[in-house]
Amino acid sequence: MTATTPSDRPGTAAPGGVELAPGAAGADPRFVNDDLLPVPVAERRWTTYNFAALWVGMAHNIPSWLLASGLVALGMDWLQAVLTIALANVIVLLPMLLTGHAGPKYGIPFPVLARASFGLRGANLPALVRAGVACAWFGIQTWIGGQGLFVLLDKAVGGDWASASPIAGRPWTLWLCFVLFWALELAIIHRGMEALRRFENWAAPFVIVGALVLLVWIAVKAGGFGPLLDQPSELGWGADFWRVFFPALMGMIAFWATLSLNIPDFTRFGAGQRAQVWGQTLGLPTTMTLFALLSVLVTSGSQAVYGAPVWDPVALAAKTDNVFGLLFALVTVLVATLSVNIAANVVSPAYDLSNLAPKLVDFRKGALITGVVGVLVMPWKLTSTPELYIFTWLGLVGGLLGTVAGILIADYWLVRRTALDLGGLYRADGPYWYRGGWNPAAVLAFAVGGVLAVGGSHSAPGTGPFPEDGLIPFLKPLADYGWAVGLAASLLLYTGLMARYRTGGTGRAAE
């Protein structure tokens, strides 16, 4: 790895963070555009409430509901499911805060932060991994939102709406609702981040009220809260439970492993570290646990009422005969889905794709590309069963994203001690060029950590795409701990590889 010369104006300290000195970033169109440059300190004004509201809006969504209700469908009782999700969100909060630190301090998004560890060109590797996952999540959320709109209009219109001519095995009216919901999401994000902040502020409390109404409705149907709490665990607390618990825990962590990478995309607008730390701490584990409690109680109630757990809240809402209740429940579904999908699954890939080709792709074009790719991944297949959703999809995603998180945390906190050359993150003659724009240490750590994390991926017969003995059989025991294995392996390996280089005061790696 070659030594490099830092930019002569790395950035200046300013109240609330580091300000980029005029001209320090240069004008290289390969690495600079307006969306990737640091947010000026004066414009970093998101408060604790804004971050907490962001998390409330993102946590209270249908895939979050499916996480908790899916655990009940897999055999857990309400207490086991809630404890699993609460523990997972306390664990994932730590990397969320660690990577989020760079946002208020430097005002940079995730792909620019990744340049410090992977190199100016190498940062496209984790950015594309993150963007690909986000595009798939965008598709999943949009499909769920389209289903909600379909059920709503079916009740409102009646007639032949639900029995319309099928296309690819589904009514054409369902596909129409999918497209309409897709267009609505892109229309909102086109208005920019300030519009997103305002939308999250009112959407968050609305979704909480909607979930509580659904809980009261199912409790009334079940004859009180007793039947909701009395549904027994099919797994007990023995070996059967632990076989489900650990892969489920990794799946729950993997659900927000995406945001643990790109949280700087939001914290870069923060007024300071206090705002992002308290906002995330108050917003993520508390609201996810509350929403998990609501969803498992409702799912337990559906088991008591209908004889089998209904894990999809859209399908459950469709069972009501009360028109007003149905409308309220489905509007809540739509608002919740809009809230999380725009914030969690459009903002990040828009920045990531912009980082790939800054001259050609700005934030809005990146959002449009995300929308198109989200359709092409056929999201209706990924949520077809709890096993495929939690174990296969989330398990694979968690392993890869945990590997990237380990490298980012090791580089920013252990190698550079949070000191970055801000201007150098945009210049080919800066300290992060490494070898042709790539840092071999990061690439090697990513490859090794990724293989260890997901190489043993396996599926039970008929429940997923992987062999029963695992892709790499001797790694199968690690597959159930994919996120933790990927994070720990890449963190330790990257730190070891970088230990032979001394870190300068500006974050420069030199021989």
Protein backbone atom coordinates (compact mmCIF):
# COMPACT_ATOMS: atom_id res chain seq x y z
CA MET A 1 0.00 0.00 0.00
CA THR A 2 1.54 3.28 -1.03
CA ALA A 3 1.83 6.38 1.06
CA THR A 4 -0.10 9.38 -0.20
CA THR A 5 -0.12 13.09 0.39
CA PRO A 6 -3.10 14.51 2.25
CA SER A 7 -5.05 17.40 0.81
CA ASP A 8 -3.69 20.72 1.95
CA ARG A 9 -7.05 21.81 3.33
CA PRO A 10 -8.63 18.81 5.03
CA GLY A 11 -11.42 20.76 6.65
CA THR A 12 -11.84 23.16 9.53
CA ALA A 13 -13.46 22.63 12.89
CA ALA A 14 -16.77 24.41 13.30
CA PRO A 15 -19.44 24.44 16.01
CA GLY A 16 -21.27 21.16 15.70
CA GLY A 17 -18.84 19.54 13.29
CA VAL A 18 -16.12 19.88 10.68
CA GLU A 19 -16.61 22.28 7.78
CA LEU A 20 -15.12 21.59 4.37
CA ALA A 21 -12.69 24.34 3.42
CA PRO A 22 -13.44 26.10 0.09
CA GLY A 23 -11.87 24.21 -2.79
CA ALA A 24 -10.62 21.36 -0.58
CA ALA A 25 -12.74 18.74 -2.36
CA GLY A 26 -11.54 19.69 -5.83
CA ALA A 27 -13.84 19.32 -8.82
CA ASP A 28 -13.16 15.80 -10.09
CA PRO A 29 -16.53 14.68 -11.56
CA ARG A 30 -15.66 11.04 -10.78
CA PHE A 31 -15.95 11.71 -7.06
CA VAL A 32 -17.81 14.98 -6.53
CA ASN A 33 -21.35 16.22 -7.03
CA ASP A 34 -23.65 18.37 -4.91
CA ASP A 35 -25.39 15.39 -3.28
CA LEU A 36 -22.11 13.81 -2.11
CA LEU A 37 -20.45 16.94 -0.72
CA PRO A 38 -20.67 17.48 3.06
CA VAL A 39 -23.77 19.17 4.42
CA PRO A 40 -22.69 22.65 5.61
CA VAL A 41 -22.64 22.96 9.39
CA ALA A 42 -25.33 25.66 9.27
CA GLU A 43 -27.68 23.19 7.55
CA ARG A 44 -27.15 20.36 10.04
CA ARG A 45 -30.25 21.03 12.12
CA TRP A 46 -32.10 17.75 12.70
CA THR A 47 -32.94 17.47 16.40
CA THR A 48 -33.41 14.55 18.80
CA TYR A 49 -37.12 14.58 17.97
CA ASN A 50 -36.45 14.42 14.22
CA PHE A 51 -34.27 11.32 14.62
CA ALA A 52 -36.68 9.69 17.06
CA ALA A 53 -39.62 10.41 14.72
CA LEU A 54 -37.62 9.02 11.82
CA TRP A 55 -37.15 5.73 13.68
CA VAL A 56 -40.76 5.60 14.83
CA GLY A 57 -41.83 6.02 11.23
CA MET A 58 -39.36 3.42 9.97
CA ALA A 59 -39.91 0.86 12.74
CA HIS A 60 -43.69 0.84 12.47
CA ASN A 61 -44.06 -0.82 9.10
CA ILE A 62 -45.42 -4.00 7.62
CA PRO A 63 -42.12 -5.91 7.22
CA SER A 64 -41.42 -5.12 10.89
CA TRP A 65 -44.85 -6.53 11.68
CA LEU A 66 -44.06 -9.61 9.58
CA LEU A 67 -40.85 -10.12 11.57
CA ALA A 68 -42.66 -10.43 14.87
CA SER A 69 -45.76 -12.19 13.59
CA GLY A 70 -43.52 -14.53 11.58
CA LEU A 71 -41.85 -15.67 14.81
CA VAL A 72 -45.26 -16.57 16.21
CA ALA A 73 -46.06 -18.41 12.98
CA LEU A 74 -42.77 -20.32 13.42
CA GLY A 75 -43.88 -21.54 16.86
CA MET A 76 -42.80 -18.92 19.43
CA ASP A 77 -45.22 -17.51 21.95
CA TRP A 78 -45.66 -13.75 22.34
CA LEU A 79 -43.02 -13.40 25.09
CA GLN A 80 -40.34 -15.32 23.19
CA ALA A 81 -40.95 -13.27 20.04
CA VAL A 82 -40.85 -9.92 21.84
CA LEU A 83 -37.67 -10.78 23.77
CA THR A 84 -35.96 -11.93 20.57
CA ILE A 85 -36.75 -8.69 18.77
CA ALA A 86 -35.91 -6.47 21.75
CA LEU A 87 -32.48 -8.10 22.14
CA ALA A 88 -31.78 -7.83 18.42
CA ASN A 89 -32.51 -4.11 18.34
CA VAL A 90 -30.38 -3.37 21.39
CA ILE A 91 -27.51 -5.18 19.67
CA VAL A 92 -27.90 -3.45 16.30
CA LEU A 93 -28.15 -0.03 17.98
CA LEU A 94 -24.43 -0.12 18.82
CA PRO A 95 -23.10 -0.24 15.22
CA MET A 96 -25.85 2.23 14.32
CA LEU A 97 -24.43 4.79 16.75
CA LEU A 98 -20.82 4.05 15.83
CA THR A 99 -21.25 4.59 12.10
CA GLY A 100 -23.73 7.41 12.67
CA HIS A 101 -21.04 9.42 14.47
CA ALA A 102 -19.43 10.48 11.19
CA GLY A 103 -22.64 12.17 10.03
CA PRO A 104 -22.91 15.14 12.41
CA LYS A 105 -19.12 15.47 12.61
CA TYR A 106 -18.31 15.57 8.89
CA GLY A 107 -21.70 15.91 7.13
CA ILE A 108 -20.94 13.03 4.73
CA PRO A 109 -23.17 10.20 3.44
CA PHE A 110 -22.36 6.51 3.75
CA PRO A 111 -20.60 5.98 0.36
CA VAL A 112 -18.24 8.87 1.07
CA LEU A 113 -17.47 7.50 4.55
CA ALA A 114 -16.73 4.13 2.94
CA ARG A 115 -14.02 5.79 0.82
CA ALA A 116 -11.85 6.10 3.93
CA SER A 117 -11.65 2.31 4.33
CA PHE A 118 -12.26 0.91 0.83
CA GLY A 119 -10.67 3.71 -1.22
CA LEU A 120 -12.28 6.27 -3.53
CA ARG A 121 -13.06 3.65 -6.15
CA GLY A 122 -13.34 0.69 -3.81
CA ALA A 123 -16.20 2.39 -1.93
CA ASN A 124 -18.42 1.41 -4.84
CA LEU A 125 -18.20 -2.22 -3.64
CA PRO A 126 -20.00 -1.74 -0.28
CA ALA A 127 -22.18 0.96 -1.83
CA LEU A 128 -23.46 -1.43 -4.48
CA VAL A 129 -24.01 -4.20 -1.92
CA ARG A 130 -26.03 -1.78 0.20
CA ALA A 131 -27.85 -0.37 -2.83
CA GLY A 132 -28.79 -3.84 -4.07
CA VAL A 133 -30.25 -4.80 -0.70
CA ALA A 134 -32.15 -1.51 -0.47
CA CYS A 135 -33.60 -1.95 -3.96
CA ALA A 136 -34.93 -5.37 -2.96
CA TRP A 137 -36.37 -3.93 0.26
CA PHE A 138 -37.96 -1.11 -1.73
CA GLY A 139 -39.64 -3.69 -3.92
CA ILE A 140 -40.86 -5.70 -0.91
CA GLN A 141 -42.34 -2.64 0.77
CA THR A 142 -43.93 -1.39 -2.44
CA TRP A 143 -45.53 -4.77 -3.07
CA ILE A 144 -46.99 -4.75 0.45
CA GLY A 145 -48.25 -1.19 -0.01
CA GLY A 146 -49.80 -2.14 -3.34
CA GLN A 147 -51.56 -5.09 -1.67
CA GLY A 148 -52.97 -2.75 0.97
CA LEU A 149 -54.25 -0.38 -1.70
CA PHE A 150 -55.75 -3.34 -3.58
CA VAL A 151 -57.68 -4.57 -0.54
CA LEU A 152 -58.85 -1.03 0.24
CA LEU A 153 -60.15 -0.44 -3.28
CA ASP A 154 -61.68 -3.92 -3.45
CA LYS A 155 -63.86 -3.12 -0.44
CA ALA A 156 -64.65 0.37 -1.77
CA VAL A 157 -65.38 -0.60 -5.39
CA GLY A 158 -66.68 -4.13 -4.98
CA GLY A 159 -67.92 -5.97 -8.03
CA ASP A 160 -65.24 -7.65 -10.10
CA TRP A 161 -62.24 -5.78 -8.68
CA ALA A 162 -60.65 -8.79 -6.96
CA SER A 163 -61.65 -11.22 -9.68
CA ALA A 164 -60.29 -9.20 -12.59
CA SER A 165 -58.44 -10.97 -15.38
CA PRO A 166 -55.17 -12.42 -14.08
CA ILE A 167 -51.69 -11.45 -15.22
CA ALA A 168 -48.91 -13.81 -14.05
CA GLY A 169 -51.40 -15.48 -11.74
CA ARG A 170 -52.67 -12.28 -10.05
CA PRO A 171 -55.51 -9.88 -10.91
CA TRP A 172 -54.42 -7.03 -13.17
CA THR A 173 -55.97 -4.67 -10.63
CA LEU A 174 -53.38 -5.78 -8.06
CA TRP A 175 -50.58 -4.96 -10.48
CA LEU A 176 -52.20 -1.57 -11.10
CA CYS A 177 -52.22 -0.83 -7.34
CA PHE A 178 -48.56 -1.87 -7.16
CA VAL A 179 -47.68 0.65 -9.91
CA LEU A 180 -49.76 3.43 -8.33
CA PHE A 181 -48.11 2.98 -4.95
CA TRP A 182 -44.68 2.90 -6.62
CA ALA A 183 -45.38 6.22 -8.36
CA LEU A 184 -46.61 7.85 -5.13
CA GLU A 185 -43.38 6.95 -3.33
CA LEU A 186 -41.15 8.39 -6.02
CA ALA A 187 -43.25 11.56 -6.14
CA ILE A 188 -42.63 12.17 -2.43
CA ILE A 189 -38.89 11.46 -2.52
CA HIS A 190 -38.54 13.73 -5.57
CA ARG A 191 -39.29 16.66 -3.28
CA GLY A 192 -36.11 16.03 -1.29
CA MET A 193 -34.92 15.34 2.27
CA GLU A 194 -36.72 18.27 3.90
CA ALA A 195 -40.05 16.94 2.62
CA LEU A 196 -39.11 13.55 4.01
CA ARG A 197 -38.43 15.05 7.46
CA ARG A 198 -41.84 16.75 7.51
CA PHE A 199 -43.61 13.59 6.33
CA GLU A 200 -41.97 11.46 9.06
CA ASN A 201 -42.95 13.94 11.78
CA TRP A 202 -46.69 13.42 11.27
CA ALA A 203 -46.62 9.85 9.94
CA ALA A 204 -44.93 8.43 13.05
CA PRO A 205 -47.70 9.12 15.63
CA PHE A 206 -50.42 8.22 13.12
CA VAL A 207 -48.99 4.75 12.62
CA ILE A 208 -48.79 4.10 16.38
CA VAL A 209 -52.47 4.96 16.77
CA GLY A 210 -53.37 2.71 13.86
CA ALA A 211 -51.53 -0.28 15.34
CA LEU A 212 -53.24 0.24 18.70
CA VAL A 213 -56.65 0.32 17.00
CA LEU A 214 -55.89 -3.00 15.27
CA LEU A 215 -54.91 -4.49 18.65
CA VAL A 216 -58.16 -3.36 20.30
CA TRP A 217 -60.16 -4.76 17.38
CA ILE A 218 -58.61 -8.25 17.56
CA ALA A 219 -58.89 -8.25 21.37
CA VAL A 220 -62.61 -7.57 21.09
CA LYS A 221 -62.95 -10.35 18.51
CA ALA A 222 -61.04 -12.74 20.80
CA GLY A 223 -63.10 -11.85 23.86
CA GLY A 224 -60.45 -9.87 25.74
CA PHE A 225 -56.67 -9.77 26.06
CA GLY A 226 -56.49 -13.10 27.88
CA PRO A 227 -56.65 -15.29 24.76
CA LEU A 228 -53.93 -13.17 23.15
CA LEU A 229 -51.54 -13.91 26.02
CA ASP A 230 -52.53 -17.54 26.53
CA GLN A 231 -51.44 -18.92 23.16
CA PRO A 232 -48.73 -21.48 24.07
CA SER A 233 -45.29 -21.77 22.52
CA GLU A 234 -44.94 -24.71 20.14
CA LEU A 235 -41.18 -24.70 20.80
CA GLY A 236 -40.98 -24.55 24.58
CA TRP A 237 -37.71 -23.31 26.06
CA GLY A 238 -35.59 -26.31 25.17
CA ALA A 239 -33.50 -27.35 22.18
CA ASP A 240 -36.31 -26.71 19.69
CA PHE A 241 -36.50 -23.06 20.79
CA TRP A 242 -32.76 -22.40 20.57
CA ARG A 243 -32.60 -23.91 17.08
CA VAL A 244 -35.05 -21.24 15.96
CA PHE A 245 -33.84 -18.46 18.28
CA PHE A 246 -30.30 -17.88 16.98
CA PRO A 247 -31.05 -17.70 13.24
CA ALA A 248 -34.14 -15.64 14.09
CA LEU A 249 -32.04 -13.27 16.22
CA MET A 250 -29.60 -12.80 13.33
CA GLY A 251 -32.54 -12.21 11.02
CA MET A 252 -33.95 -9.56 13.34
CA ILE A 253 -30.53 -7.85 13.49
CA ALA A 254 -30.20 -8.12 9.72
CA PHE A 255 -33.47 -6.25 9.32
CA TRP A 256 -31.75 -3.01 10.38
CA ALA A 257 -28.22 -4.01 9.35
CA THR A 258 -28.84 -1.99 6.22
CA LEU A 259 -29.36 1.20 8.23
CA SER A 260 -26.36 0.44 10.45
CA LEU A 261 -24.28 1.10 7.32
CA ASN A 262 -25.99 4.07 5.76
CA ILE A 263 -27.25 5.85 8.87
CA PRO A 264 -24.76 8.68 8.07
CA ASP A 265 -27.11 9.49 5.15
CA PHE A 266 -29.44 10.83 7.84
CA THR A 267 -27.14 11.81 10.72
CA ARG A 268 -25.24 14.12 8.33
CA PHE A 269 -28.20 16.48 8.84
CA GLY A 270 -27.91 16.24 12.65
CA ALA A 271 -27.32 19.29 14.80
CA GLY A 272 -24.75 17.35 16.85
CA GLN A 273 -23.83 13.99 18.34
CA ARG A 274 -26.29 14.39 21.19
CA ALA A 275 -29.18 14.66 18.73
CA GLN A 276 -28.29 11.53 16.80
CA VAL A 277 -27.33 9.44 19.86
CA TRP A 278 -30.41 10.27 21.92
CA GLY A 279 -32.72 10.31 18.93
CA GLN A 280 -31.66 6.84 17.81
CA THR A 281 -31.52 5.40 21.33
CA LEU A 282 -35.01 6.64 22.12
CA GLY A 283 -36.35 5.81 18.67
CA LEU A 284 -35.05 2.39 17.60
CA PRO A 285 -35.12 -0.25 20.39
CA THR A 286 -38.14 1.19 22.19
CA THR A 287 -40.41 1.57 19.19
CA MET A 288 -39.37 -1.74 17.61
CA THR A 289 -40.08 -3.56 20.87
CA LEU A 290 -43.45 -1.84 21.27
CA PHE A 291 -44.40 -2.59 17.68
CA ALA A 292 -43.25 -6.19 18.09
CA LEU A 293 -45.46 -6.51 21.16
CA LEU A 294 -48.44 -5.13 19.26
CA SER A 295 -47.88 -7.38 16.26
CA VAL A 296 -47.39 -10.62 18.21
CA LEU A 297 -50.44 -9.93 20.36
CA VAL A 298 -52.53 -9.28 17.27
CA THR A 299 -51.16 -12.41 15.58
CA SER A 300 -51.84 -14.46 18.73
CA GLY A 301 -55.33 -13.01 18.73
CA SER A 302 -55.84 -14.03 15.12
CA GLN A 303 -54.84 -17.57 16.10
CA ALA A 304 -57.44 -17.54 18.88
CA VAL A 305 -60.14 -16.10 16.59
CA TYR A 306 -59.47 -17.88 13.29
CA GLY A 307 -57.74 -21.06 14.46
CA ALA A 308 -54.44 -20.26 12.73
CA PRO A 309 -52.06 -17.29 13.00
CA VAL A 310 -52.60 -14.65 10.29
CA TRP A 311 -49.12 -13.16 10.03
CA ASP A 312 -49.92 -10.64 7.25
CA PRO A 313 -51.72 -7.56 8.66
CA VAL A 314 -53.17 -6.71 5.22
CA ALA A 315 -54.84 -10.12 5.05
CA LEU A 316 -55.98 -9.72 8.67
CA ALA A 317 -57.46 -6.26 8.10
CA ALA A 318 -59.37 -7.62 5.10
CA LYS A 319 -61.28 -9.96 7.44
CA THR A 320 -63.15 -7.15 9.18
CA ASP A 321 -66.76 -6.45 8.24
CA ASN A 322 -66.62 -2.89 9.55
CA VAL A 323 -66.03 -0.56 6.61
CA PHE A 324 -64.67 2.30 8.73
CA GLY A 325 -62.34 -0.04 10.61
CA LEU A 326 -61.09 -1.50 7.36
CA LEU A 327 -60.45 1.92 5.86
CA PHE A 328 -58.60 3.12 8.95
CA ALA A 329 -56.47 -0.05 9.18
CA LEU A 330 -55.49 0.03 5.53
CA VAL A 331 -54.75 3.76 5.49
CA THR A 332 -52.44 3.05 8.42
CA VAL A 333 -50.79 0.29 6.40
CA LEU A 334 -50.25 2.67 3.49
CA VAL A 335 -48.82 5.49 5.62
CA ALA A 336 -46.54 3.08 7.50
CA THR A 337 -45.23 1.57 4.28
CA LEU A 338 -44.65 4.95 2.66
CA SER A 339 -42.85 6.19 5.75
CA VAL A 340 -40.29 3.41 6.01
CA ASN A 341 -39.81 2.73 2.33
CA ILE A 342 -38.93 6.28 1.39
CA ALA A 343 -36.62 6.81 4.35
CA ALA A 344 -34.90 3.43 4.56
CA ASN A 345 -34.91 2.12 1.01
CA VAL A 346 -34.70 5.07 -1.38
CA VAL A 347 -32.38 7.57 0.31
CA SER A 348 -29.46 5.16 0.66
CA PRO A 349 -29.34 3.65 -2.85
CA ALA A 350 -29.89 7.10 -4.33
CA TYR A 351 -26.65 8.26 -2.67
CA ASP A 352 -24.91 4.93 -3.43
CA LEU A 353 -25.72 5.07 -7.13
CA SER A 354 -24.73 8.72 -7.24
CA ASN A 355 -21.37 7.74 -5.77
CA LEU A 356 -20.93 5.21 -8.59
CA ALA A 357 -21.24 7.85 -11.32
CA PRO A 358 -21.44 11.35 -9.77
CA LYS A 359 -21.35 13.09 -13.15
CA LEU A 360 -24.32 11.14 -14.53
CA VAL A 361 -26.45 10.24 -11.51
CA ASP A 362 -27.73 12.70 -8.94
CA PHE A 363 -29.94 11.91 -5.94
CA ARG A 364 -33.23 12.01 -7.86
CA LYS A 365 -31.96 9.82 -10.73
CA GLY A 366 -30.62 7.36 -8.16
CA ALA A 367 -34.07 7.20 -6.56
CA LEU A 368 -35.66 6.44 -9.94
CA ILE A 369 -33.15 3.66 -10.63
CA THR A 370 -33.93 2.21 -7.21
CA GLY A 371 -37.61 2.17 -8.06
CA VAL A 372 -37.03 0.30 -11.31
CA VAL A 373 -34.68 -2.31 -9.79
CA GLY A 374 -37.09 -2.81 -6.89
CA VAL A 375 -39.68 -4.07 -9.36
CA LEU A 376 -37.27 -6.30 -11.26
CA VAL A 377 -36.32 -8.36 -8.16
CA MET A 378 -39.89 -9.77 -8.04
CA PRO A 379 -40.52 -8.89 -4.36
CA TRP A 380 -43.72 -10.94 -4.18
CA LYS A 381 -41.58 -14.08 -4.01
CA LEU A 382 -39.39 -12.92 -1.07
CA THR A 383 -42.31 -12.61 1.37
CA SER A 384 -44.16 -15.75 0.34
CA THR A 385 -43.33 -17.67 3.57
CA PRO A 386 -41.88 -16.83 7.02
CA GLU A 387 -38.99 -19.26 6.42
CA LEU A 388 -37.96 -17.65 3.14
CA TYR A 389 -38.37 -14.12 4.53
CA ILE A 390 -36.58 -14.52 7.87
CA PHE A 391 -34.03 -17.31 7.40
CA THR A 392 -33.08 -17.11 3.71
CA TRP A 393 -33.48 -13.45 2.74
CA LEU A 394 -32.60 -11.77 6.04
CA GLY A 395 -29.92 -14.32 6.93
CA LEU A 396 -28.04 -13.79 3.67
CA VAL A 397 -28.40 -10.02 3.78
CA GLY A 398 -27.29 -9.84 7.41
CA GLY A 399 -24.08 -11.76 6.80
CA LEU A 400 -22.95 -9.50 3.96
CA LEU A 401 -23.94 -6.23 5.62
CA GLY A 402 -22.37 -7.25 8.94
CA THR A 403 -19.10 -7.76 7.07
CA VAL A 404 -19.19 -4.22 5.66
CA ALA A 405 -20.15 -2.78 9.07
CA GLY A 406 -17.14 -4.45 10.69
CA ILE A 407 -14.76 -2.78 8.23
CA LEU A 408 -16.36 0.67 8.58
CA ILE A 409 -16.29 0.53 12.38
CA ALA A 410 -12.71 -0.78 12.50
CA ASP A 411 -11.46 1.90 10.13
CA TYR A 412 -13.28 4.88 11.63
CA TRP A 413 -12.87 4.04 15.32
CA LEU A 414 -9.83 1.76 15.68
CA VAL A 415 -7.56 2.78 12.80
CA ARG A 416 -8.34 6.49 12.41
CA ARG A 417 -9.79 7.32 15.85
CA THR A 418 -12.62 9.28 14.10
CA ALA A 419 -10.11 11.64 12.41
CA LEU A 420 -10.74 11.96 8.66
CA ASP A 421 -9.19 14.18 6.01
CA LEU A 422 -12.49 15.60 4.79
CA GLY A 423 -11.20 17.08 1.55
CA GLY A 424 -9.17 13.94 0.85
CA LEU A 425 -12.37 11.89 0.62
CA TYR A 426 -13.02 13.59 -2.73
CA ARG A 427 -9.52 13.77 -4.25
CA ALA A 428 -7.48 11.18 -6.11
CA ASP A 429 -4.29 12.80 -4.74
CA GLY A 430 -5.52 12.43 -1.15
CA PRO A 431 -4.81 9.81 1.52
CA TYR A 432 -7.58 7.42 0.48
CA TRP A 433 -6.42 6.53 -3.01
CA TYR A 434 -4.43 3.49 -1.81
CA ARG A 435 -3.71 1.35 -4.90
CA GLY A 436 -5.57 2.64 -7.92
CA GLY A 437 -8.41 3.82 -5.71
CA TRP A 438 -8.81 0.47 -3.90
CA ASN A 439 -7.68 -0.56 -0.42
CA PRO A 440 -6.60 -4.24 -0.66
CA ALA A 441 -7.00 -4.68 3.10
CA ALA A 442 -10.70 -3.78 2.95
CA VAL A 443 -11.38 -5.96 -0.09
CA LEU A 444 -9.66 -8.97 1.51
CA ALA A 445 -11.47 -8.46 4.82
CA PHE A 446 -14.78 -8.19 2.97
CA ALA A 447 -14.14 -11.37 0.97
CA VAL A 448 -13.07 -13.45 3.96
CA GLY A 449 -15.78 -12.13 6.27
CA GLY A 450 -18.45 -12.60 3.61
CA VAL A 451 -17.50 -16.23 2.91
CA LEU A 452 -17.45 -17.06 6.62
CA ALA A 453 -20.79 -15.33 7.18
CA VAL A 454 -22.85 -16.69 4.29
CA GLY A 455 -20.81 -19.60 2.89
CA GLY A 456 -22.72 -22.10 5.03
CA SER A 457 -26.18 -20.81 4.05
CA HIS A 458 -28.66 -23.68 4.06
CA SER A 459 -32.37 -24.31 3.72
CA ALA A 460 -34.66 -27.04 4.92
CA PRO A 461 -36.03 -29.10 2.03
CA GLY A 462 -38.69 -27.16 0.16
CA THR A 463 -38.27 -23.92 2.16
CA GLY A 464 -35.46 -22.10 0.36
CA PRO A 465 -32.91 -22.02 -2.46
CA PHE A 466 -29.86 -23.41 -0.62
CA PRO A 467 -28.70 -27.03 -0.18
CA GLU A 468 -29.73 -28.67 3.08
CA ASP A 469 -26.05 -29.24 3.97
CA GLY A 470 -25.06 -25.65 3.12
CA LEU A 471 -23.29 -24.07 0.17
CA ILE A 472 -19.97 -24.87 1.87
CA PRO A 473 -20.88 -27.71 4.25
CA PHE A 474 -18.13 -27.21 6.84
CA LEU A 475 -19.25 -23.56 7.27
CA LYS A 476 -22.86 -24.54 7.95
CA PRO A 477 -22.51 -24.14 11.77
CA LEU A 478 -21.62 -20.45 11.24
CA ALA A 479 -24.59 -19.67 9.00
CA ASP A 480 -27.05 -19.21 11.86
CA TYR A 481 -24.82 -16.43 13.26
CA GLY A 482 -24.09 -14.76 9.91
CA TRP A 483 -24.30 -11.09 10.94
CA ALA A 484 -22.15 -11.54 14.05
CA VAL A 485 -19.63 -13.75 12.22
CA GLY A 486 -19.30 -11.31 9.33
CA LEU A 487 -18.90 -8.27 11.57
CA ALA A 488 -16.37 -9.85 13.95
CA ALA A 489 -14.28 -11.51 11.23
CA SER A 490 -13.98 -8.44 9.02
CA LEU A 491 -13.36 -6.10 11.97
CA LEU A 492 -10.52 -8.20 13.34
CA LEU A 493 -8.95 -8.98 9.97
CA TYR A 494 -9.11 -5.39 8.72
CA THR A 495 -7.66 -4.02 11.96
CA GLY A 496 -4.83 -6.55 11.77
CA LEU A 497 -4.05 -5.78 8.13
CA MET A 498 -3.99 -2.03 8.78
CA ALA A 499 -1.88 -2.37 11.93
CA ARG A 500 1.33 -2.37 9.88
CA TYR A 501 0.59 1.16 8.76
CA ARG A 502 0.73 4.13 11.08
CA THR A 503 -2.19 6.53 11.13
CA GLY A 504 -1.39 10.22 10.81
CA GLY A 505 -3.23 12.99 12.58
CA THR A 506 -5.56 13.61 9.62
CA GLY A 507 -6.42 9.96 9.18
CA ARG A 508 -3.72 9.38 6.55
CA ALA A 509 -2.50 5.78 6.25
CA ALA A 510 1.23 5.79 5.55
CA GLU A 511 3.87 3.10 5.45
